[in-house]
Amino acid sequence: IGLADALGGSIAFIAVSDQPPVGGVVDPDELAGPFTLPGWTAGEGYSTYQHPIPARPVLEGEVFYIQWRVDDPSASGGVALSPPVRVEYFCNGRCASTCPADVDEPFEVLDLADVQAFIAGFMSGDPLMDLAEPFGVLDLTDVQAFVSSFLAGCP
């Protein structure tokens, strides 16, 4: 997600939320950054943010919203906001999971955080933990699929 024409030398953040913006403002579930923008004057600042997208079939159709927030003393309230952006996960029904046991950050690394996240998600009924047939039901086959995937490691 790119940012351009911002105040050079300022600090920026990315607001990420699964809730739609209200009044043009994204109320963040996650605030990524800080990003120090290059340049010295108005219009010289730019940056790029790469939002991690896990390879998880169950994410198809899920939506999140993002918005740049740039510290700018000349902006209303001292913060310049980009227009909010709506992002929808899609893969046209062909989503492949490269490592089903990798359910928590850091992605592409299997560690205790994945085990803890799987247990917590499974116990709370999180559909992201539905790793095996029958899909739509959390059961022992999902636990077995997690353990097998975890022991096999990520490619």
Protein backbone atom coordinates (compact mmCIF):
# COMPACT_ATOMS: atom_id res chain seq x y z
CA ILE A 1 0.00 0.00 0.00
CA GLY A 2 1.71 3.16 -1.16
CA LEU A 3 1.77 6.68 0.24
CA ALA A 4 2.90 9.66 -1.83
CA ASP A 5 2.84 13.46 -1.68
CA ALA A 6 3.02 13.50 2.13
CA LEU A 7 4.98 15.87 4.37
CA GLY A 8 8.64 14.95 4.03
CA GLY A 9 10.47 14.11 7.25
CA SER A 10 7.27 13.27 9.09
CA ILE A 11 6.22 10.07 10.83
CA ALA A 12 3.43 7.91 9.39
CA PHE A 13 1.43 4.91 10.54
CA ILE A 14 -1.01 2.50 8.88
CA ALA A 15 -4.34 1.88 10.60
CA VAL A 16 -5.77 -1.61 9.91
CA SER A 17 -9.26 -2.70 11.00
CA ASP A 18 -11.88 -5.30 10.20
CA GLN A 19 -14.56 -2.64 10.79
CA PRO A 20 -15.61 -0.11 8.13
CA PRO A 21 -14.46 3.48 8.56
CA VAL A 22 -16.75 5.93 10.33
CA GLY A 23 -16.74 9.50 9.04
CA GLY A 24 -13.80 8.67 6.78
CA VAL A 25 -11.64 7.43 9.67
CA VAL A 26 -10.43 3.85 10.22
CA ASP A 27 -10.49 2.96 13.94
CA PRO A 28 -7.45 0.66 14.10
CA ASP A 29 -7.38 -2.88 15.46
CA GLU A 30 -3.70 -2.74 14.49
CA LEU A 31 -1.40 0.26 14.01
CA ALA A 32 1.65 -0.55 11.86
CA GLY A 33 4.70 1.66 11.90
CA PRO A 34 6.20 4.08 12.53
CA PHE A 35 7.45 4.88 9.04
CA THR A 36 9.82 7.86 8.72
CA LEU A 37 9.07 9.57 5.42
CA PRO A 38 11.99 10.80 3.29
CA GLY A 39 12.24 14.42 2.18
CA TRP A 40 12.01 17.78 3.93
CA THR A 41 8.98 19.62 2.59
CA ALA A 42 5.30 19.13 1.79
CA GLY A 43 4.78 16.64 -1.03
CA GLU A 44 8.20 14.96 -0.76
CA GLY A 45 7.20 12.21 1.71
CA TYR A 46 6.42 8.69 0.53
CA SER A 47 6.41 5.13 1.85
CA THR A 48 5.16 1.62 1.15
CA TYR A 49 3.52 -0.84 3.52
CA GLN A 50 3.22 -4.56 2.82
CA HIS A 51 0.34 -6.15 4.72
CA PRO A 52 0.91 -9.85 5.43
CA ILE A 53 -1.66 -12.13 3.83
CA PRO A 54 -1.60 -15.67 5.19
CA ALA A 55 -2.33 -18.48 2.73
CA ARG A 56 -5.56 -19.59 4.40
CA PRO A 57 -8.59 -20.69 2.33
CA VAL A 58 -11.03 -19.62 5.05
CA LEU A 59 -10.03 -15.97 4.53
CA GLU A 60 -11.78 -15.86 1.14
CA GLY A 61 -14.32 -13.03 1.25
CA GLU A 62 -13.00 -11.51 4.49
CA VAL A 63 -12.62 -7.71 4.38
CA PHE A 64 -10.30 -5.29 6.13
CA TYR A 65 -9.78 -1.53 5.90
CA ILE A 66 -6.56 0.44 5.89
CA GLN A 67 -5.63 4.10 6.11
CA TRP A 68 -2.38 6.05 6.24
CA ARG A 69 -1.98 8.48 9.18
CA VAL A 70 0.75 11.09 8.77
CA ASP A 71 1.88 13.43 11.54
CA ASP A 72 1.41 16.86 9.95
CA PRO A 73 1.04 20.01 12.07
CA SER A 74 -0.82 21.80 9.26
CA ALA A 75 -3.50 19.06 9.04
CA SER A 76 -6.69 19.06 11.08
CA GLY A 77 -5.83 17.71 14.52
CA GLY A 78 -2.16 17.45 13.50
CA VAL A 79 -2.71 14.22 11.53
CA ALA A 80 -3.28 13.93 7.77
CA LEU A 81 -5.40 10.93 6.78
CA SER A 82 -5.42 9.17 3.44
CA PRO A 83 -8.76 8.04 2.05
CA PRO A 84 -9.71 4.69 3.62
CA VAL A 85 -9.12 1.62 1.44
CA ARG A 86 -11.32 -1.50 1.52
CA VAL A 87 -9.43 -4.75 0.87
CA GLU A 88 -11.12 -8.11 0.28
CA TYR A 89 -9.27 -11.42 0.36
CA PHE A 90 -10.01 -13.48 -2.75
CA CYS A 91 -8.59 -16.40 -4.66
CA ASN A 92 -11.58 -17.48 -6.73
CA GLY A 93 -12.07 -20.69 -4.75
CA ARG A 94 -8.50 -21.87 -5.35
CA CYS A 95 -6.85 -20.81 -2.09
CA ALA A 96 -4.00 -23.09 -1.14
CA SER A 97 -2.67 -23.29 2.37
CA THR A 98 1.11 -23.57 2.29
CA CYS A 99 1.44 -24.35 6.00
CA PRO A 100 -1.83 -24.94 7.88
CA ALA A 101 -0.13 -24.97 11.31
CA ASP A 102 1.28 -21.45 10.80
CA VAL A 103 -1.64 -19.67 12.46
CA ASP A 104 0.18 -16.81 14.22
CA GLU A 105 2.97 -14.33 13.59
CA PRO A 106 5.73 -14.52 12.69
CA PHE A 107 4.41 -16.22 9.55
CA GLU A 108 6.62 -18.78 7.78
CA VAL A 109 7.97 -19.80 11.21
CA LEU A 110 6.42 -22.53 13.35
CA ASP A 111 6.81 -21.86 17.06
CA LEU A 112 5.02 -21.95 20.40
CA ALA A 113 2.94 -18.92 19.39
CA ASP A 114 1.30 -21.07 16.69
CA VAL A 115 0.47 -23.80 19.22
CA GLN A 116 -0.98 -21.28 21.68
CA ALA A 117 -2.96 -19.50 18.95
CA PHE A 118 -4.35 -22.78 17.63
CA ILE A 119 -5.47 -23.93 21.09
CA ALA A 120 -7.03 -20.55 21.92
CA GLY A 121 -8.74 -20.32 18.52
CA PHE A 122 -9.96 -23.90 18.60
CA MET A 123 -11.40 -23.46 22.11
CA SER A 124 -13.16 -20.22 21.11
CA GLY A 125 -14.59 -21.74 17.91
CA ASP A 126 -12.50 -19.65 15.50
CA PRO A 127 -13.24 -20.88 11.93
CA LEU A 128 -9.58 -20.25 11.00
CA MET A 129 -8.75 -23.35 13.06
CA ASP A 130 -10.99 -25.56 10.90
CA LEU A 131 -8.11 -27.29 9.12
CA ALA A 132 -9.69 -30.59 8.04
CA GLU A 133 -12.92 -32.13 6.79
CA PRO A 134 -15.69 -31.94 7.72
CA PHE A 135 -15.33 -28.18 7.23
CA GLY A 136 -17.65 -26.03 9.30
CA VAL A 137 -17.09 -28.23 12.37
CA LEU A 138 -14.19 -28.00 14.81
CA ASP A 139 -13.31 -31.52 15.91
CA LEU A 140 -10.44 -33.91 16.58
CA THR A 141 -9.55 -34.10 12.88
CA ASP A 142 -8.64 -30.40 13.03
CA VAL A 143 -6.34 -31.05 16.00
CA GLN A 144 -4.76 -33.97 14.14
CA ALA A 145 -4.30 -31.83 11.02
CA PHE A 146 -2.65 -29.08 13.08
CA VAL A 147 -0.26 -31.50 14.83
CA SER A 148 0.65 -33.24 11.54
CA SER A 149 1.26 -29.93 9.79
CA PHE A 150 3.27 -28.57 12.72
CA LEU A 151 5.49 -31.66 12.85
CA ALA A 152 6.00 -31.59 9.07
CA GLY A 153 7.16 -27.96 9.19
CA CYS A 154 6.61 -25.21 6.66
CA PRO A 155 7.98 -25.49 3.12
